[in-house]
Amino acid sequence: MGRPTVIPCDSINAQRPPIDVEKEAEPWVPYYNPNDPNTIDKTFPDRPSHLCTVFERICTITEVLGSVMASL
């Protein structure tokens, strides 16, 4: 989770935080420019945030990229 690529993944013994179901369901309101003529008549409903899932996926991508960089 955010470790520098100079530290090998085998040297890290940190666990990922568990996915919190309540935080996953928190509403997320998309940002839009109210002055944009393309969005004047449109509504943007709230969506579940999936905050923990997104964080976990970013950690996974970071680990994969770190492994690729270390193998070069």
Protein backbone atom coordinates (compact mmCIF):
# COMPACT_ATOMS: atom_id res chain seq x y z
CA MET A 1 0.00 0.00 0.00
CA GLY A 2 1.95 2.93 -1.26
CA ARG A 3 5.34 1.38 -0.61
CA PRO A 4 8.29 2.75 -2.57
CA THR A 5 9.39 0.47 -5.41
CA VAL A 6 12.88 0.16 -3.89
CA ILE A 7 11.40 -1.91 -1.06
CA PRO A 8 10.75 -5.47 -2.30
CA CYS A 9 7.20 -6.72 -1.90
CA ASP A 10 8.51 -9.78 0.00
CA SER A 11 9.85 -7.44 2.70
CA ILE A 12 6.41 -6.03 3.46
CA ASN A 13 4.09 -7.77 5.89
CA ALA A 14 1.15 -5.36 5.93
CA GLN A 15 -2.40 -6.51 5.52
CA ARG A 16 -4.94 -4.60 3.50
CA PRO A 17 -7.80 -3.13 5.48
CA PRO A 18 -11.06 -5.05 5.30
CA ILE A 19 -13.78 -3.71 3.03
CA ASP A 20 -16.32 -1.79 5.10
CA VAL A 21 -19.79 -2.44 3.70
CA GLU A 22 -21.15 0.81 5.14
CA LYS A 23 -18.44 2.91 3.48
CA GLU A 24 -18.98 1.08 0.20
CA ALA A 25 -22.62 2.15 0.19
CA GLU A 26 -22.04 5.81 1.11
CA PRO A 27 -23.56 8.05 -1.54
CA TRP A 28 -21.26 9.78 -3.96
CA VAL A 29 -22.44 12.82 -5.87
CA PRO A 30 -20.54 13.39 -9.11
CA TYR A 31 -19.07 16.82 -9.63
CA TYR A 32 -20.17 18.68 -12.70
CA ASN A 33 -19.75 22.24 -13.89
CA PRO A 34 -23.15 23.93 -13.43
CA ASN A 35 -22.21 26.50 -16.09
CA ASP A 36 -21.56 23.86 -18.74
CA PRO A 37 -24.29 24.13 -21.40
CA ASN A 38 -24.14 20.34 -21.94
CA THR A 39 -25.20 19.62 -18.34
CA ILE A 40 -27.86 22.27 -17.71
CA ASP A 41 -30.87 20.00 -18.24
CA LYS A 42 -29.30 16.81 -16.90
CA THR A 43 -29.59 15.33 -13.44
CA PHE A 44 -26.88 13.27 -11.82
CA PRO A 45 -28.23 10.86 -9.19
CA ASP A 46 -26.18 9.76 -6.20
CA ARG A 47 -24.24 6.53 -6.64
CA PRO A 48 -22.55 4.17 -4.17
CA SER A 49 -18.98 5.33 -3.62
CA HIS A 50 -17.22 1.92 -3.52
CA LEU A 51 -14.40 3.76 -1.73
CA CYS A 52 -12.74 0.71 -0.17
CA THR A 53 -12.96 -1.37 -3.34
CA VAL A 54 -11.33 1.39 -5.39
CA PHE A 55 -8.57 1.77 -2.79
CA GLU A 56 -7.93 -1.98 -2.80
CA ARG A 57 -7.74 -2.07 -6.60
CA ILE A 58 -5.29 0.84 -6.65
CA CYS A 59 -3.10 -1.03 -4.14
CA THR A 60 -3.19 -4.12 -6.37
CA ILE A 61 -2.20 -2.10 -9.45
CA THR A 62 0.62 -0.48 -7.47
CA GLU A 63 1.94 -3.90 -6.44
CA VAL A 64 1.80 -5.20 -10.01
CA LEU A 65 3.58 -2.12 -11.37
CA GLY A 66 6.19 -2.40 -8.63
CA SER A 67 6.82 -6.05 -9.55
CA VAL A 68 7.16 -5.14 -13.22
CA MET A 69 9.57 -2.31 -12.43
CA ALA A 70 11.63 -4.55 -10.18
CA SER A 71 11.94 -7.18 -12.89
CA LEU A 72 13.28 -4.72 -15.47
